[in-house]
Amino acid sequence: MHSRAYLLLEKEFMEYEKANIFGISLAPVGDNNMEWIAEIEGLKDSLWEGAELQLSLLYNENYNNSPPSVIFNTIPFHPNVDPRSGRPCVDFLDDPTKWDKKLTMTSILLSIQVLLSNPVLHNAVNLEAAKMLQNNYSLYRKRVIQCVRTSQHLEAFARNLEKSPFKGPSDESWPPSQTRKITTISYEDYYLTWFKIATSKAAEDFKAPVFEDPDFIGNRYEWMAMNVGKGEWDENILWISKVFSFRV
């Protein structure tokens, strides 16, 4: 017999599938409803548009009385993401006393997706990113654009591995698992390892006009109107916005 936490997460996953929300993918790791892999895309018309970032969500049997552990597997260069652990700086995840039982897997990922394009400089955990955003926006923009491209390279690499012709019915890993999990890697580590030995210069990547407006903080209400249809999810998103208004 499954635990209460297991059944709650199963219900949340069914709600996620019905919602069909832009830029969020979610699946359990094998048959274990207590561990999940998610991918979020950067919001349209934001500096992070085109990013494909993977996260891990780990729950315990005390859910939903306590929050899950959430980390980025592909760590973005962002003021509110720890560059070493990949942990996003979200108050209700960091402080159990601020956790609300109304928060689901989907609402957690939505809040992180919005936070990605709306960094908070107060109490930033990536000080380099925060200082660069404040003092040298042009350089910050370039670093983020490169980070977006890095995430795309990692995602493409993972897809190529799945299509490898060297896997077949005789392999122990066949058939492929329901989800794939990328080993945690920071933008800095990936950049230093691969982009410095690339055949083309990274500076060439910055010539494309990715974001014209120097003030990149997006309009969350416009985003909500574009990505959420009428119905139950409208109320959920509006509720999330009120709870996290300090972040956006």
C-alpha atoms as a PDB file:
ATOM      1  CA  MET A   1       0.000   0.000   0.000  1.00  0.00           C
ATOM      2  CA  HIS A   2       1.363   3.395  -0.986  1.00  0.00           C
ATOM      3  CA  SER A   3       1.989   6.158   1.529  1.00  0.00           C
ATOM      4  CA  ARG A   4      -0.007   9.383   1.766  1.00  0.00           C
ATOM      5  CA  ALA A   5       2.924  11.350   0.304  1.00  0.00           C
ATOM      6  CA  TYR A   6       3.142   8.968  -2.669  1.00  0.00           C
ATOM      7  CA  LEU A   7      -0.570   9.336  -3.437  1.00  0.00           C
ATOM      8  CA  LEU A   8      -0.447  13.133  -3.095  1.00  0.00           C
ATOM      9  CA  LEU A   9       2.420  13.347  -5.591  1.00  0.00           C
ATOM     10  CA  GLU A  10       0.589  11.009  -7.956  1.00  0.00           C
ATOM     11  CA  LYS A  11      -2.412  13.343  -7.843  1.00  0.00           C
ATOM     12  CA  GLU A  12      -0.231  16.405  -8.409  1.00  0.00           C
ATOM     13  CA  PHE A  13       1.355  14.768 -11.436  1.00  0.00           C
ATOM     14  CA  MET A  14      -2.071  14.097 -12.953  1.00  0.00           C
ATOM     15  CA  GLU A  15      -2.976  17.764 -12.438  1.00  0.00           C
ATOM     16  CA  TYR A  16       0.310  18.801 -14.054  1.00  0.00           C
ATOM     17  CA  GLU A  17      -0.424  16.673 -17.137  1.00  0.00           C
ATOM     18  CA  LYS A  18      -3.884  18.221 -17.530  1.00  0.00           C
ATOM     19  CA  ALA A  19      -2.571  21.785 -17.146  1.00  0.00           C
ATOM     20  CA  ASN A  20      -0.174  21.607 -20.119  1.00  0.00           C
ATOM     21  CA  ILE A  21       1.876  24.583 -18.882  1.00  0.00           C
ATOM     22  CA  PHE A  22       4.440  26.187 -21.171  1.00  0.00           C
ATOM     23  CA  GLY A  23       8.078  25.321 -20.637  1.00  0.00           C
ATOM     24  CA  ILE A  24       7.769  22.788 -17.801  1.00  0.00           C
ATOM     25  CA  SER A  25       8.427  19.055 -18.137  1.00  0.00           C
ATOM     26  CA  LEU A  26       8.149  16.647 -15.231  1.00  0.00           C
ATOM     27  CA  ALA A  27       8.508  12.900 -14.723  1.00  0.00           C
ATOM     28  CA  PRO A  28       9.240  10.505 -11.854  1.00  0.00           C
ATOM     29  CA  VAL A  29      12.555   8.695 -11.631  1.00  0.00           C
ATOM     30  CA  GLY A  30      11.579   5.128 -12.465  1.00  0.00           C
ATOM     31  CA  ASP A  31       8.677   3.928 -10.325  1.00  0.00           C
ATOM     32  CA  ASN A  32       9.694   6.108  -7.397  1.00  0.00           C
ATOM     33  CA  ASN A  33       7.166   8.884  -6.859  1.00  0.00           C
ATOM     34  CA  MET A  34       9.444  10.405  -4.233  1.00  0.00           C
ATOM     35  CA  GLU A  35      12.088  11.516  -6.714  1.00  0.00           C
ATOM     36  CA  TRP A  36      11.396  13.565  -9.848  1.00  0.00           C
ATOM     37  CA  ILE A  37      13.288  15.106 -12.729  1.00  0.00           C
ATOM     38  CA  ALA A  38      12.001  18.382 -14.170  1.00  0.00           C
ATOM     39  CA  GLU A  39      13.050  20.640 -17.021  1.00  0.00           C
ATOM     40  CA  ILE A  40      12.120  24.297 -17.213  1.00  0.00           C
ATOM     41  CA  GLU A  41      12.524  26.606 -20.181  1.00  0.00           C
ATOM     42  CA  GLY A  42      13.290  30.299 -19.901  1.00  0.00           C
ATOM     43  CA  LEU A  43      10.256  32.539 -20.370  1.00  0.00           C
ATOM     44  CA  LYS A  44       9.589  34.005 -23.789  1.00  0.00           C
ATOM     45  CA  ASP A  45      10.946  37.520 -24.400  1.00  0.00           C
ATOM     46  CA  SER A  46      13.180  37.294 -21.340  1.00  0.00           C
ATOM     47  CA  LEU A  47      16.959  37.111 -21.145  1.00  0.00           C
ATOM     48  CA  TRP A  48      16.615  33.381 -20.409  1.00  0.00           C
ATOM     49  CA  GLU A  49      14.483  32.551 -23.452  1.00  0.00           C
ATOM     50  CA  GLY A  50      15.766  29.335 -25.016  1.00  0.00           C
ATOM     51  CA  ALA A  51      17.350  27.970 -21.821  1.00  0.00           C
ATOM     52  CA  GLU A  52      16.665  24.313 -21.006  1.00  0.00           C
ATOM     53  CA  LEU A  53      17.502  23.702 -17.366  1.00  0.00           C
ATOM     54  CA  GLN A  54      17.103  20.435 -15.502  1.00  0.00           C
ATOM     55  CA  LEU A  55      16.212  20.129 -11.819  1.00  0.00           C
ATOM     56  CA  SER A  56      15.814  17.320  -9.299  1.00  0.00           C
ATOM     57  CA  LEU A  57      13.005  17.262  -6.739  1.00  0.00           C
ATOM     58  CA  LEU A  58      13.374  14.905  -3.785  1.00  0.00           C
ATOM     59  CA  TYR A  59      10.433  14.323  -1.435  1.00  0.00           C
ATOM     60  CA  ASN A  60      10.156  12.489   1.878  1.00  0.00           C
ATOM     61  CA  GLU A  61       7.339  10.636   3.608  1.00  0.00           C
ATOM     62  CA  ASN A  62       6.430  13.772   5.573  1.00  0.00           C
ATOM     63  CA  TYR A  63       5.154  15.519   2.463  1.00  0.00           C
ATOM     64  CA  ASN A  64       3.133  17.745   2.241  1.00  0.00           C
ATOM     65  CA  ASN A  65       3.902  18.924   5.752  1.00  0.00           C
ATOM     66  CA  SER A  66       7.411  19.849   4.634  1.00  0.00           C
ATOM     67  CA  PRO A  67       8.905  21.071   1.347  1.00  0.00           C
ATOM     68  CA  PRO A  68      10.938  18.933  -1.052  1.00  0.00           C
ATOM     69  CA  SER A  69      14.651  19.345  -1.695  1.00  0.00           C
ATOM     70  CA  VAL A  70      15.098  21.071  -5.064  1.00  0.00           C
ATOM     71  CA  ILE A  71      18.380  21.579  -6.939  1.00  0.00           C
ATOM     72  CA  PHE A  72      19.405  22.522 -10.449  1.00  0.00           C
ATOM     73  CA  ASN A  73      21.325  19.745 -12.211  1.00  0.00           C
ATOM     74  CA  THR A  74      22.355  22.244 -14.896  1.00  0.00           C
ATOM     75  CA  ILE A  75      23.260  25.210 -12.695  1.00  0.00           C
ATOM     76  CA  PRO A  76      22.504  28.631 -14.208  1.00  0.00           C
ATOM     77  CA  PHE A  77      24.577  31.771 -13.700  1.00  0.00           C
ATOM     78  CA  HIS A  78      22.027  33.573 -11.559  1.00  0.00           C
ATOM     79  CA  PRO A  79      22.079  35.716  -8.391  1.00  0.00           C
ATOM     80  CA  ASN A  80      19.547  33.438  -6.689  1.00  0.00           C
ATOM     81  CA  VAL A  81      21.064  30.037  -7.508  1.00  0.00           C
ATOM     82  CA  ASP A  82      23.964  28.674  -5.458  1.00  0.00           C
ATOM     83  CA  PRO A  83      26.798  28.140  -7.987  1.00  0.00           C
ATOM     84  CA  ARG A  84      28.148  25.116  -6.061  1.00  0.00           C
ATOM     85  CA  SER A  85      25.090  23.182  -4.911  1.00  0.00           C
ATOM     86  CA  GLY A  86      22.607  24.313  -7.568  1.00  0.00           C
ATOM     87  CA  ARG A  87      20.043  25.137  -4.903  1.00  0.00           C
ATOM     88  CA  PRO A  88      17.610  27.920  -5.881  1.00  0.00           C
ATOM     89  CA  CYS A  89      17.117  30.637  -3.280  1.00  0.00           C
ATOM     90  CA  VAL A  90      13.373  30.367  -2.617  1.00  0.00           C
ATOM     91  CA  ASP A  91      12.226  31.211   0.877  1.00  0.00           C
ATOM     92  CA  PHE A  92       9.554  28.526   1.238  1.00  0.00           C
ATOM     93  CA  LEU A  93      12.088  25.868   0.207  1.00  0.00           C
ATOM     94  CA  ASP A  94      14.818  27.195   2.496  1.00  0.00           C
ATOM     95  CA  ASP A  95      12.632  27.818   5.532  1.00  0.00           C
ATOM     96  CA  PRO A  96      10.096  25.081   6.452  1.00  0.00           C
ATOM     97  CA  THR A  97       8.119  27.607   8.551  1.00  0.00           C
ATOM     98  CA  LYS A  98       7.270  29.458   5.327  1.00  0.00           C
ATOM     99  CA  TRP A  99       6.132  26.323   3.523  1.00  0.00           C
ATOM    100  CA  ASP A 100       2.452  26.205   2.465  1.00  0.00           C
ATOM    101  CA  LYS A 101       0.617  22.939   1.838  1.00  0.00           C
ATOM    102  CA  LYS A 102      -1.097  24.519  -1.157  1.00  0.00           C
ATOM    103  CA  LEU A 103       2.192  24.497  -3.039  1.00  0.00           C
ATOM    104  CA  THR A 104       2.436  21.658  -5.553  1.00  0.00           C
ATOM    105  CA  MET A 105       5.208  20.405  -7.821  1.00  0.00           C
ATOM    106  CA  THR A 106       3.871  22.592 -10.606  1.00  0.00           C
ATOM    107  CA  SER A 107       3.607  25.760  -8.514  1.00  0.00           C
ATOM    108  CA  ILE A 108       7.154  25.229  -7.211  1.00  0.00           C
ATOM    109  CA  LEU A 109       8.517  24.932 -10.750  1.00  0.00           C
ATOM    110  CA  LEU A 110       6.455  27.927 -11.914  1.00  0.00           C
ATOM    111  CA  SER A 111       7.865  30.110  -9.142  1.00  0.00           C
ATOM    112  CA  ILE A 112      11.427  29.041 -10.031  1.00  0.00           C
ATOM    113  CA  GLN A 113      10.746  29.672 -13.718  1.00  0.00           C
ATOM    114  CA  VAL A 114       9.545  33.209 -12.950  1.00  0.00           C
ATOM    115  CA  LEU A 115      12.412  33.826 -10.522  1.00  0.00           C
ATOM    116  CA  LEU A 116      14.870  32.896 -13.256  1.00  0.00           C
ATOM    117  CA  SER A 117      13.847  35.984 -15.264  1.00  0.00           C
ATOM    118  CA  ASN A 118      13.280  38.186 -12.213  1.00  0.00           C
ATOM    119  CA  PRO A 119      16.421  37.971 -10.044  1.00  0.00           C
ATOM    120  CA  VAL A 120      16.359  39.319  -6.497  1.00  0.00           C
ATOM    121  CA  LEU A 121      19.562  41.088  -5.476  1.00  0.00           C
ATOM    122  CA  HIS A 122      18.808  41.173  -1.758  1.00  0.00           C
ATOM    123  CA  ASN A 123      20.616  38.287  -0.022  1.00  0.00           C
ATOM    124  CA  ALA A 124      21.888  36.879  -3.322  1.00  0.00           C
ATOM    125  CA  VAL A 125      23.718  33.535  -3.091  1.00  0.00           C
ATOM    126  CA  ASN A 126      25.776  34.033  -6.257  1.00  0.00           C
ATOM    127  CA  LEU A 127      27.574  37.269  -5.400  1.00  0.00           C
ATOM    128  CA  GLU A 128      29.479  37.421  -8.687  1.00  0.00           C
ATOM    129  CA  ALA A 129      26.252  37.334 -10.684  1.00  0.00           C
ATOM    130  CA  ALA A 130      24.579  39.883  -8.395  1.00  0.00           C
ATOM    131  CA  LYS A 131      27.474  42.365  -8.581  1.00  0.00           C
ATOM    132  CA  MET A 132      27.756  41.947 -12.338  1.00  0.00           C
ATOM    133  CA  LEU A 133      24.023  42.584 -12.772  1.00  0.00           C
ATOM    134  CA  GLN A 134      24.283  45.749 -10.694  1.00  0.00           C
ATOM    135  CA  ASN A 135      27.527  47.157 -12.056  1.00  0.00           C
ATOM    136  CA  ASN A 136      28.044  45.747 -15.545  1.00  0.00           C
ATOM    137  CA  TYR A 137      24.752  44.758 -17.137  1.00  0.00           C
ATOM    138  CA  SER A 138      26.289  44.317 -20.595  1.00  0.00           C
ATOM    139  CA  LEU A 139      28.714  41.685 -19.305  1.00  0.00           C
ATOM    140  CA  TYR A 140      25.985  40.049 -17.230  1.00  0.00           C
ATOM    141  CA  ARG A 141      23.806  39.801 -20.330  1.00  0.00           C
ATOM    142  CA  LYS A 142      26.621  38.106 -22.245  1.00  0.00           C
ATOM    143  CA  ARG A 143      27.233  35.626 -19.453  1.00  0.00           C
ATOM    144  CA  VAL A 144      23.549  34.716 -19.285  1.00  0.00           C
ATOM    145  CA  ILE A 145      23.293  34.320 -23.048  1.00  0.00           C
ATOM    146  CA  GLN A 146      26.291  32.003 -22.956  1.00  0.00           C
ATOM    147  CA  CYS A 147      24.678  30.109 -20.105  1.00  0.00           C
ATOM    148  CA  VAL A 148      21.536  29.677 -22.198  1.00  0.00           C
ATOM    149  CA  ARG A 149      23.612  28.281 -25.058  1.00  0.00           C
ATOM    150  CA  THR A 150      25.445  25.987 -22.654  1.00  0.00           C
ATOM    151  CA  SER A 151      22.155  24.540 -21.397  1.00  0.00           C
ATOM    152  CA  GLN A 152      21.111  23.876 -24.994  1.00  0.00           C
ATOM    153  CA  HIS A 153      24.390  22.061 -25.676  1.00  0.00           C
ATOM    154  CA  LEU A 154      23.905  19.891 -22.587  1.00  0.00           C
ATOM    155  CA  GLU A 155      20.334  19.068 -23.590  1.00  0.00           C
ATOM    156  CA  ALA A 156      21.374  18.208 -27.147  1.00  0.00           C
ATOM    157  CA  PHE A 157      24.175  16.013 -25.792  1.00  0.00           C
ATOM    158  CA  ALA A 158      21.703  14.130 -23.577  1.00  0.00           C
ATOM    159  CA  ARG A 159      19.377  13.558 -26.535  1.00  0.00           C
ATOM    160  CA  ASN A 160      22.250  12.234 -28.649  1.00  0.00           C
ATOM    161  CA  LEU A 161      23.134   9.765 -25.906  1.00  0.00           C
ATOM    162  CA  GLU A 162      19.579   8.468 -25.954  1.00  0.00           C
ATOM    163  CA  LYS A 163      19.842   7.892 -29.715  1.00  0.00           C
ATOM    164  CA  SER A 164      23.203   6.131 -29.495  1.00  0.00           C
ATOM    165  CA  PRO A 165      23.390   3.216 -32.000  1.00  0.00           C
ATOM    166  CA  PHE A 166      25.504   1.255 -29.518  1.00  0.00           C
ATOM    167  CA  LYS A 167      22.536   0.520 -27.283  1.00  0.00           C
ATOM    168  CA  GLY A 168      20.362  -2.440 -28.087  1.00  0.00           C
ATOM    169  CA  PRO A 169      18.242  -5.225 -26.588  1.00  0.00           C
ATOM    170  CA  SER A 170      21.364  -6.940 -25.243  1.00  0.00           C
ATOM    171  CA  ASP A 171      22.342  -3.932 -23.140  1.00  0.00           C
ATOM    172  CA  GLU A 172      21.393  -3.910 -19.480  1.00  0.00           C
ATOM    173  CA  SER A 173      20.122  -0.345 -19.906  1.00  0.00           C
ATOM    174  CA  TRP A 174      17.611  -1.396 -22.582  1.00  0.00           C
ATOM    175  CA  PRO A 175      14.857  -0.332 -22.867  1.00  0.00           C
ATOM    176  CA  PRO A 176      15.740   3.257 -21.941  1.00  0.00           C
ATOM    177  CA  SER A 177      14.346   4.489 -18.632  1.00  0.00           C
ATOM    178  CA  GLN A 178      11.360   6.807 -18.524  1.00  0.00           C
ATOM    179  CA  THR A 179      13.533   9.760 -17.596  1.00  0.00           C
ATOM    180  CA  ARG A 180      17.139  10.782 -18.031  1.00  0.00           C
ATOM    181  CA  LYS A 181      19.218  12.438 -15.363  1.00  0.00           C
ATOM    182  CA  ILE A 182      22.125  14.736 -16.152  1.00  0.00           C
ATOM    183  CA  THR A 183      24.951  14.832 -13.635  1.00  0.00           C
ATOM    184  CA  THR A 184      24.992  18.137 -11.799  1.00  0.00           C
ATOM    185  CA  ILE A 185      27.278  20.594 -13.575  1.00  0.00           C
ATOM    186  CA  SER A 186      27.669  24.326 -13.192  1.00  0.00           C
ATOM    187  CA  TYR A 187      27.799  26.762 -16.051  1.00  0.00           C
ATOM    188  CA  GLU A 188      31.337  27.739 -15.039  1.00  0.00           C
ATOM    189  CA  ASP A 189      32.628  24.143 -15.065  1.00  0.00           C
ATOM    190  CA  TYR A 190      31.065  23.422 -18.436  1.00  0.00           C
ATOM    191  CA  TYR A 191      32.361  26.668 -19.914  1.00  0.00           C
ATOM    192  CA  LEU A 192      35.924  26.125 -18.711  1.00  0.00           C
ATOM    193  CA  THR A 193      35.970  22.530 -19.939  1.00  0.00           C
ATOM    194  CA  TRP A 194      34.411  22.879 -23.369  1.00  0.00           C
ATOM    195  CA  PHE A 195      34.018  26.447 -24.613  1.00  0.00           C
ATOM    196  CA  LYS A 196      37.690  27.334 -24.219  1.00  0.00           C
ATOM    197  CA  ILE A 197      38.621  24.553 -26.656  1.00  0.00           C
ATOM    198  CA  ALA A 198      35.789  25.259 -29.090  1.00  0.00           C
ATOM    199  CA  THR A 199      36.684  25.952 -32.723  1.00  0.00           C
ATOM    200  CA  SER A 200      34.604  29.142 -32.799  1.00  0.00           C
ATOM    201  CA  LYS A 201      35.027  32.050 -30.422  1.00  0.00           C
ATOM    202  CA  ALA A 202      32.331  32.555 -27.826  1.00  0.00           C
ATOM    203  CA  ALA A 203      32.222  36.253 -28.708  1.00  0.00           C
ATOM    204  CA  GLU A 204      30.606  35.351 -32.032  1.00  0.00           C
ATOM    205  CA  ASP A 205      27.605  33.993 -30.141  1.00  0.00           C
ATOM    206  CA  PHE A 206      26.843  37.402 -28.705  1.00  0.00           C
ATOM    207  CA  LYS A 207      26.285  39.128 -32.045  1.00  0.00           C
ATOM    208  CA  ALA A 208      22.682  37.939 -32.368  1.00  0.00           C
ATOM    209  CA  PRO A 209      20.198  40.423 -30.890  1.00  0.00           C
ATOM    210  CA  VAL A 210      18.681  38.238 -28.188  1.00  0.00           C
ATOM    211  CA  PHE A 211      17.306  40.921 -25.913  1.00  0.00           C
ATOM    212  CA  GLU A 212      16.862  44.461 -27.130  1.00  0.00           C
ATOM    213  CA  ASP A 213      15.504  46.121 -23.995  1.00  0.00           C
ATOM    214  CA  PRO A 214      18.248  46.952 -21.454  1.00  0.00           C
ATOM    215  CA  ASP A 215      15.729  46.577 -18.658  1.00  0.00           C
ATOM    216  CA  PHE A 216      15.166  42.831 -18.832  1.00  0.00           C
ATOM    217  CA  ILE A 217      12.817  42.468 -15.876  1.00  0.00           C
ATOM    218  CA  GLY A 218       9.729  40.994 -17.566  1.00  0.00           C
ATOM    219  CA  ASN A 219       6.086  41.764 -17.098  1.00  0.00           C
ATOM    220  CA  ARG A 220       4.747  38.849 -15.081  1.00  0.00           C
ATOM    221  CA  TYR A 221       1.112  39.713 -15.766  1.00  0.00           C
ATOM    222  CA  GLU A 222       1.687  39.613 -19.522  1.00  0.00           C
ATOM    223  CA  TRP A 223       3.425  36.271 -19.094  1.00  0.00           C
ATOM    224  CA  MET A 224       0.527  34.896 -17.042  1.00  0.00           C
ATOM    225  CA  ALA A 225      -1.946  35.982 -19.686  1.00  0.00           C
ATOM    226  CA  MET A 226       0.087  34.297 -22.421  1.00  0.00           C
ATOM    227  CA  ASN A 227       0.715  30.992 -20.650  1.00  0.00           C
ATOM    228  CA  VAL A 228      -2.328  30.214 -18.566  1.00  0.00           C
ATOM    229  CA  GLY A 229      -5.796  29.616 -19.963  1.00  0.00           C
ATOM    230  CA  LYS A 230      -9.068  30.413 -18.273  1.00  0.00           C
ATOM    231  CA  GLY A 231     -10.136  28.113 -15.475  1.00  0.00           C
ATOM    232  CA  GLU A 232      -8.812  26.611 -12.281  1.00  0.00           C
ATOM    233  CA  TRP A 233      -5.148  27.292 -13.094  1.00  0.00           C
ATOM    234  CA  ASP A 234      -5.836  31.050 -13.389  1.00  0.00           C
ATOM    235  CA  GLU A 235      -6.744  31.100  -9.706  1.00  0.00           C
ATOM    236  CA  ASN A 236      -3.695  29.034  -8.781  1.00  0.00           C
ATOM    237  CA  ILE A 237      -1.299  31.306 -10.657  1.00  0.00           C
ATOM    238  CA  LEU A 238      -2.858  34.440  -9.197  1.00  0.00           C
ATOM    239  CA  TRP A 239      -2.524  32.908  -5.742  1.00  0.00           C
ATOM    240  CA  ILE A 240       1.139  32.095  -6.377  1.00  0.00           C
ATOM    241  CA  SER A 241       1.764  35.650  -7.571  1.00  0.00           C
ATOM    242  CA  LYS A 242       0.328  37.088  -4.394  1.00  0.00           C
ATOM    243  CA  VAL A 243       2.378  34.767  -2.215  1.00  0.00           C
ATOM    244  CA  PHE A 244       5.630  35.486  -4.079  1.00  0.00           C
ATOM    245  CA  SER A 245       5.033  39.123  -5.005  1.00  0.00           C
ATOM    246  CA  PHE A 246       8.230  40.042  -3.185  1.00  0.00           C
ATOM    247  CA  ARG A 247      10.190  38.083  -5.799  1.00  0.00           C
ATOM    248  CA  VAL A 248       8.662  39.492  -8.948  1.00  0.00           C
END
